Amino acid sequence: MGVRIERIDLPGFGVRNDVITDSGCRVSVVSLRSGERDLAFFNADDPDSNAASISLTDDEAAAIAEVLGSSLTLSRLSVLGEKAEGLYTEEISLPSGSGFIGHPMGNMKARTLTSASIVAIARGNDVVPSPGPEVKFESGDVIVAVGTRKGLDALGKLINRGPS
């Protein structure tokens, strides 16, 4: 069956987006014109019966979107590495006391020097997907990179060595 997304306009109120899972369960996100958002869950056995729902503040909706988006990005990168022969995804911890901490990612010149690409930074419970060159490294960052074995090894050495 696959995942299906249905969009239903609610004239005068807003819009409802339904995600129907492979198992037939429906999760609805109702976005009202007032800015309110509700998340509703329905059983596959009775798709018209609301099993549970919750109202979300803007911050809560943004947090859920970020968590789902970040984990999906990392999951897809992992799958990509499994499908592409010779391409790997790796997490590399930035050493405490690294000379890169507090400096923009672009200063590292990772792609230029190693041919590996930094595709995300795991920072505590957060993930910075597709970080731009202006993103500054912080203590405790875990760098998520994609590249060949040779490129990732070179990136690991660069990260551990620090800036020249």
C-alpha atoms as a PDB file:
ATOM      1  CA  MET A   1       0.000   0.000   0.000  1.00  0.00           C
ATOM      2  CA  GLY A   2       2.739   2.502   0.912  1.00  0.00           C
ATOM      3  CA  VAL A   3       2.438   5.766   2.791  1.00  0.00           C
ATOM      4  CA  ARG A   4      -0.268   8.108   1.535  1.00  0.00           C
ATOM      5  CA  ILE A   5      -0.762  11.774   2.344  1.00  0.00           C
ATOM      6  CA  GLU A   6      -4.156  13.384   1.848  1.00  0.00           C
ATOM      7  CA  ARG A   7      -4.789  17.130   2.123  1.00  0.00           C
ATOM      8  CA  ILE A   8      -8.296  18.264   3.000  1.00  0.00           C
ATOM      9  CA  ASP A   9      -9.224  21.953   2.956  1.00  0.00           C
ATOM     10  CA  LEU A  10     -11.404  23.062   5.847  1.00  0.00           C
ATOM     11  CA  PRO A  11     -13.056  26.197   4.366  1.00  0.00           C
ATOM     12  CA  GLY A  12     -12.979  29.057   6.830  1.00  0.00           C
ATOM     13  CA  PHE A  13     -10.955  27.050   9.363  1.00  0.00           C
ATOM     14  CA  GLY A  14      -7.698  25.792   7.845  1.00  0.00           C
ATOM     15  CA  VAL A  15      -6.388  22.528   6.445  1.00  0.00           C
ATOM     16  CA  ARG A  16      -6.073  18.907   7.545  1.00  0.00           C
ATOM     17  CA  ASN A  17      -3.225  16.707   6.339  1.00  0.00           C
ATOM     18  CA  ASP A  18      -3.706  12.975   6.840  1.00  0.00           C
ATOM     19  CA  VAL A  19      -0.821  10.533   6.734  1.00  0.00           C
ATOM     20  CA  ILE A  20      -2.027   6.979   6.189  1.00  0.00           C
ATOM     21  CA  THR A  21       0.636   4.483   7.221  1.00  0.00           C
ATOM     22  CA  ASP A  22       1.458   1.122   5.654  1.00  0.00           C
ATOM     23  CA  SER A  23      -0.553  -0.541   8.425  1.00  0.00           C
ATOM     24  CA  GLY A  24      -3.619   1.591   7.630  1.00  0.00           C
ATOM     25  CA  CYS A  25      -3.416   3.884  10.649  1.00  0.00           C
ATOM     26  CA  ARG A  26      -4.158   7.550  10.069  1.00  0.00           C
ATOM     27  CA  VAL A  27      -2.367  10.461  11.714  1.00  0.00           C
ATOM     28  CA  SER A  28      -3.944  13.859  11.077  1.00  0.00           C
ATOM     29  CA  VAL A  29      -2.360  17.266  11.448  1.00  0.00           C
ATOM     30  CA  VAL A  30      -5.027  19.962  11.600  1.00  0.00           C
ATOM     31  CA  SER A  31      -3.638  23.464  11.029  1.00  0.00           C
ATOM     32  CA  LEU A  32      -6.185  26.162  11.806  1.00  0.00           C
ATOM     33  CA  ARG A  33      -6.112  29.702  10.435  1.00  0.00           C
ATOM     34  CA  SER A  34      -5.740  30.918  14.026  1.00  0.00           C
ATOM     35  CA  GLY A  35      -2.322  29.206  14.129  1.00  0.00           C
ATOM     36  CA  GLU A  36      -3.455  26.350  16.360  1.00  0.00           C
ATOM     37  CA  ARG A  37      -2.385  22.825  15.451  1.00  0.00           C
ATOM     38  CA  ASP A  38      -3.864  19.525  16.526  1.00  0.00           C
ATOM     39  CA  LEU A  39      -2.383  16.077  16.097  1.00  0.00           C
ATOM     40  CA  ALA A  40      -4.954  13.258  15.942  1.00  0.00           C
ATOM     41  CA  PHE A  41      -4.518   9.493  15.778  1.00  0.00           C
ATOM     42  CA  PHE A  42      -6.995   6.991  14.334  1.00  0.00           C
ATOM     43  CA  ASN A  43      -7.123   3.190  14.522  1.00  0.00           C
ATOM     44  CA  ALA A  44      -6.851   1.140  11.335  1.00  0.00           C
ATOM     45  CA  ASP A  45      -9.858  -0.909  12.538  1.00  0.00           C
ATOM     46  CA  ASP A  46     -12.131   2.155  12.689  1.00  0.00           C
ATOM     47  CA  PRO A  47     -10.668   5.032  10.650  1.00  0.00           C
ATOM     48  CA  ASP A  48     -13.497   7.370  11.695  1.00  0.00           C
ATOM     49  CA  SER A  49     -12.889   6.912  15.417  1.00  0.00           C
ATOM     50  CA  ASN A  50     -10.388   9.305  16.962  1.00  0.00           C
ATOM     51  CA  ALA A  51      -8.138   7.195  19.235  1.00  0.00           C
ATOM     52  CA  ALA A  52      -6.256  10.200  20.666  1.00  0.00           C
ATOM     53  CA  SER A  53      -5.518  13.828  19.930  1.00  0.00           C
ATOM     54  CA  ILE A  54      -3.347  16.598  21.279  1.00  0.00           C
ATOM     55  CA  SER A  55      -3.211  20.357  20.727  1.00  0.00           C
ATOM     56  CA  LEU A  56       0.249  21.731  20.018  1.00  0.00           C
ATOM     57  CA  THR A  57       1.762  25.155  20.600  1.00  0.00           C
ATOM     58  CA  ASP A  58       3.975  26.602  17.867  1.00  0.00           C
ATOM     59  CA  ASP A  59       7.082  25.576  19.816  1.00  0.00           C
ATOM     60  CA  GLU A  60       5.788  22.024  20.329  1.00  0.00           C
ATOM     61  CA  ALA A  61       4.888  21.652  16.643  1.00  0.00           C
ATOM     62  CA  ALA A  62       8.321  22.973  15.626  1.00  0.00           C
ATOM     63  CA  ALA A  63      10.046  20.581  18.049  1.00  0.00           C
ATOM     64  CA  ILE A  64       8.152  17.567  16.701  1.00  0.00           C
ATOM     65  CA  ALA A  65       8.861  18.616  13.111  1.00  0.00           C
ATOM     66  CA  GLU A  66      12.550  19.046  13.922  1.00  0.00           C
ATOM     67  CA  VAL A  67      12.824  15.679  15.649  1.00  0.00           C
ATOM     68  CA  LEU A  68      11.034  13.862  12.840  1.00  0.00           C
ATOM     69  CA  GLY A  69      12.939  15.709  10.131  1.00  0.00           C
ATOM     70  CA  SER A  70      16.331  15.194  11.745  1.00  0.00           C
ATOM     71  CA  SER A  71      15.857  11.514  12.456  1.00  0.00           C
ATOM     72  CA  LEU A  72      14.491  10.980   8.950  1.00  0.00           C
ATOM     73  CA  THR A  73      17.490  12.748   7.430  1.00  0.00           C
ATOM     74  CA  LEU A  74      19.945  10.579   9.381  1.00  0.00           C
ATOM     75  CA  SER A  75      17.945   7.427   8.626  1.00  0.00           C
ATOM     76  CA  ARG A  76      17.913   8.159   4.893  1.00  0.00           C
ATOM     77  CA  LEU A  77      21.647   8.868   4.939  1.00  0.00           C
ATOM     78  CA  SER A  78      22.223   5.505   6.579  1.00  0.00           C
ATOM     79  CA  VAL A  79      20.120   3.748   3.927  1.00  0.00           C
ATOM     80  CA  LEU A  80      21.942   5.666   1.186  1.00  0.00           C
ATOM     81  CA  GLY A  81      25.274   4.390   2.506  1.00  0.00           C
ATOM     82  CA  GLU A  82      23.961   0.823   2.385  1.00  0.00           C
ATOM     83  CA  LYS A  83      22.791   1.193  -1.231  1.00  0.00           C
ATOM     84  CA  ALA A  84      25.776   3.007  -2.754  1.00  0.00           C
ATOM     85  CA  GLU A  85      28.843   0.817  -2.978  1.00  0.00           C
ATOM     86  CA  GLY A  86      31.952   2.688  -1.885  1.00  0.00           C
ATOM     87  CA  LEU A  87      29.947   5.468  -0.200  1.00  0.00           C
ATOM     88  CA  TYR A  88      29.819   5.546   3.587  1.00  0.00           C
ATOM     89  CA  THR A  89      28.129   7.567   6.313  1.00  0.00           C
ATOM     90  CA  GLU A  90      30.108   8.112   9.478  1.00  0.00           C
ATOM     91  CA  GLU A  91      29.769   9.973  12.770  1.00  0.00           C
ATOM     92  CA  ILE A  92      32.974  11.630  13.988  1.00  0.00           C
ATOM     93  CA  SER A  93      33.159  13.251  17.440  1.00  0.00           C
ATOM     94  CA  LEU A  94      34.797  16.653  17.602  1.00  0.00           C
ATOM     95  CA  PRO A  95      37.488  16.318  20.307  1.00  0.00           C
ATOM     96  CA  SER A  96      37.075  18.534  23.371  1.00  0.00           C
ATOM     97  CA  GLY A  97      39.562  21.348  23.131  1.00  0.00           C
ATOM     98  CA  SER A  98      39.584  21.164  19.320  1.00  0.00           C
ATOM     99  CA  GLY A  99      40.855  24.238  17.549  1.00  0.00           C
ATOM    100  CA  PHE A 100      37.728  24.112  15.379  1.00  0.00           C
ATOM    101  CA  ILE A 101      35.376  24.814  18.341  1.00  0.00           C
ATOM    102  CA  GLY A 102      33.894  28.289  18.046  1.00  0.00           C
ATOM    103  CA  HIS A 103      34.912  28.618  14.400  1.00  0.00           C
ATOM    104  CA  PRO A 104      32.695  28.379  11.307  1.00  0.00           C
ATOM    105  CA  MET A 105      32.521  25.018   9.567  1.00  0.00           C
ATOM    106  CA  GLY A 106      33.729  26.641   6.335  1.00  0.00           C
ATOM    107  CA  ASN A 107      37.108  27.329   7.943  1.00  0.00           C
ATOM    108  CA  MET A 108      37.703  23.567   8.166  1.00  0.00           C
ATOM    109  CA  LYS A 109      37.579  23.240   4.350  1.00  0.00           C
ATOM    110  CA  ALA A 110      36.565  19.606   4.873  1.00  0.00           C
ATOM    111  CA  ARG A 111      35.236  18.932   1.375  1.00  0.00           C
ATOM    112  CA  THR A 112      38.170  20.684  -0.321  1.00  0.00           C
ATOM    113  CA  LEU A 113      40.820  18.859   1.710  1.00  0.00           C
ATOM    114  CA  THR A 114      39.194  15.422   2.067  1.00  0.00           C
ATOM    115  CA  SER A 115      36.421  15.080  -0.564  1.00  0.00           C
ATOM    116  CA  ALA A 116      34.063  14.066   2.293  1.00  0.00           C
ATOM    117  CA  SER A 117      30.920  16.129   2.919  1.00  0.00           C
ATOM    118  CA  ILE A 118      29.597  17.149   6.324  1.00  0.00           C
ATOM    119  CA  VAL A 119      25.854  16.588   6.016  1.00  0.00           C
ATOM    120  CA  ALA A 120      24.737  17.140   9.617  1.00  0.00           C
ATOM    121  CA  ILE A 121      25.953  17.984  13.089  1.00  0.00           C
ATOM    122  CA  ALA A 122      24.481  16.142  16.070  1.00  0.00           C
ATOM    123  CA  ARG A 123      24.497  18.584  18.956  1.00  0.00           C
ATOM    124  CA  GLY A 124      23.149  17.119  22.194  1.00  0.00           C
ATOM    125  CA  ASN A 125      19.521  16.207  21.520  1.00  0.00           C
ATOM    126  CA  ASP A 126      19.412  18.383  18.394  1.00  0.00           C
ATOM    127  CA  VAL A 127      20.607  17.852  14.860  1.00  0.00           C
ATOM    128  CA  VAL A 128      21.707  20.585  12.462  1.00  0.00           C
ATOM    129  CA  PRO A 129      20.900  19.086   9.043  1.00  0.00           C
ATOM    130  CA  SER A 130      22.772  20.417   5.996  1.00  0.00           C
ATOM    131  CA  PRO A 131      24.861  22.892   7.996  1.00  0.00           C
ATOM    132  CA  GLY A 132      26.078  25.897   6.036  1.00  0.00           C
ATOM    133  CA  PRO A 133      29.695  27.121   6.143  1.00  0.00           C
ATOM    134  CA  GLU A 134      28.725  29.792   8.703  1.00  0.00           C
ATOM    135  CA  VAL A 135      27.635  27.251  11.369  1.00  0.00           C
ATOM    136  CA  LYS A 136      30.113  27.326  14.255  1.00  0.00           C
ATOM    137  CA  PHE A 137      31.323  24.114  15.855  1.00  0.00           C
ATOM    138  CA  GLU A 138      30.559  23.609  19.545  1.00  0.00           C
ATOM    139  CA  SER A 139      32.128  21.389  22.171  1.00  0.00           C
ATOM    140  CA  GLY A 140      30.501  17.953  22.097  1.00  0.00           C
ATOM    141  CA  ASP A 141      29.468  18.147  18.430  1.00  0.00           C
ATOM    142  CA  VAL A 142      29.281  14.905  16.489  1.00  0.00           C
ATOM    143  CA  ILE A 143      29.906  15.442  12.787  1.00  0.00           C
ATOM    144  CA  VAL A 144      27.896  13.310  10.361  1.00  0.00           C
ATOM    145  CA  ALA A 145      29.753  12.952   7.074  1.00  0.00           C
ATOM    146  CA  VAL A 146      29.355  11.118   3.776  1.00  0.00           C
ATOM    147  CA  GLY A 147      32.218  10.064   1.548  1.00  0.00           C
ATOM    148  CA  THR A 148      34.520   7.320   0.396  1.00  0.00           C
ATOM    149  CA  ARG A 149      36.483   5.342   2.977  1.00  0.00           C
ATOM    150  CA  LYS A 150      39.613   7.314   2.038  1.00  0.00           C
ATOM    151  CA  GLY A 151      37.795  10.656   2.311  1.00  0.00           C
ATOM    152  CA  LEU A 152      36.238   9.842   5.690  1.00  0.00           C
ATOM    153  CA  ASP A 153      39.587   8.655   7.047  1.00  0.00           C
ATOM    154  CA  ALA A 154      41.154  11.935   5.896  1.00  0.00           C
ATOM    155  CA  LEU A 155      38.303  13.903   7.514  1.00  0.00           C
ATOM    156  CA  GLY A 156      38.798  12.019  10.788  1.00  0.00           C
ATOM    157  CA  LYS A 157      42.497  12.908  10.761  1.00  0.00           C
ATOM    158  CA  LEU A 158      41.719  16.557   9.947  1.00  0.00           C
ATOM    159  CA  ILE A 159      39.195  16.779  12.785  1.00  0.00           C
ATOM    160  CA  ASN A 160      41.583  15.173  15.281  1.00  0.00           C
ATOM    161  CA  ARG A 161      44.582  17.222  14.117  1.00  0.00           C
ATOM    162  CA  GLY A 162      42.756  20.555  14.214  1.00  0.00           C
ATOM    163  CA  PRO A 163      43.423  23.621  12.084  1.00  0.00           C
ATOM    164  CA  SER A 164      46.862  24.007  10.535  1.00  0.00           C
END
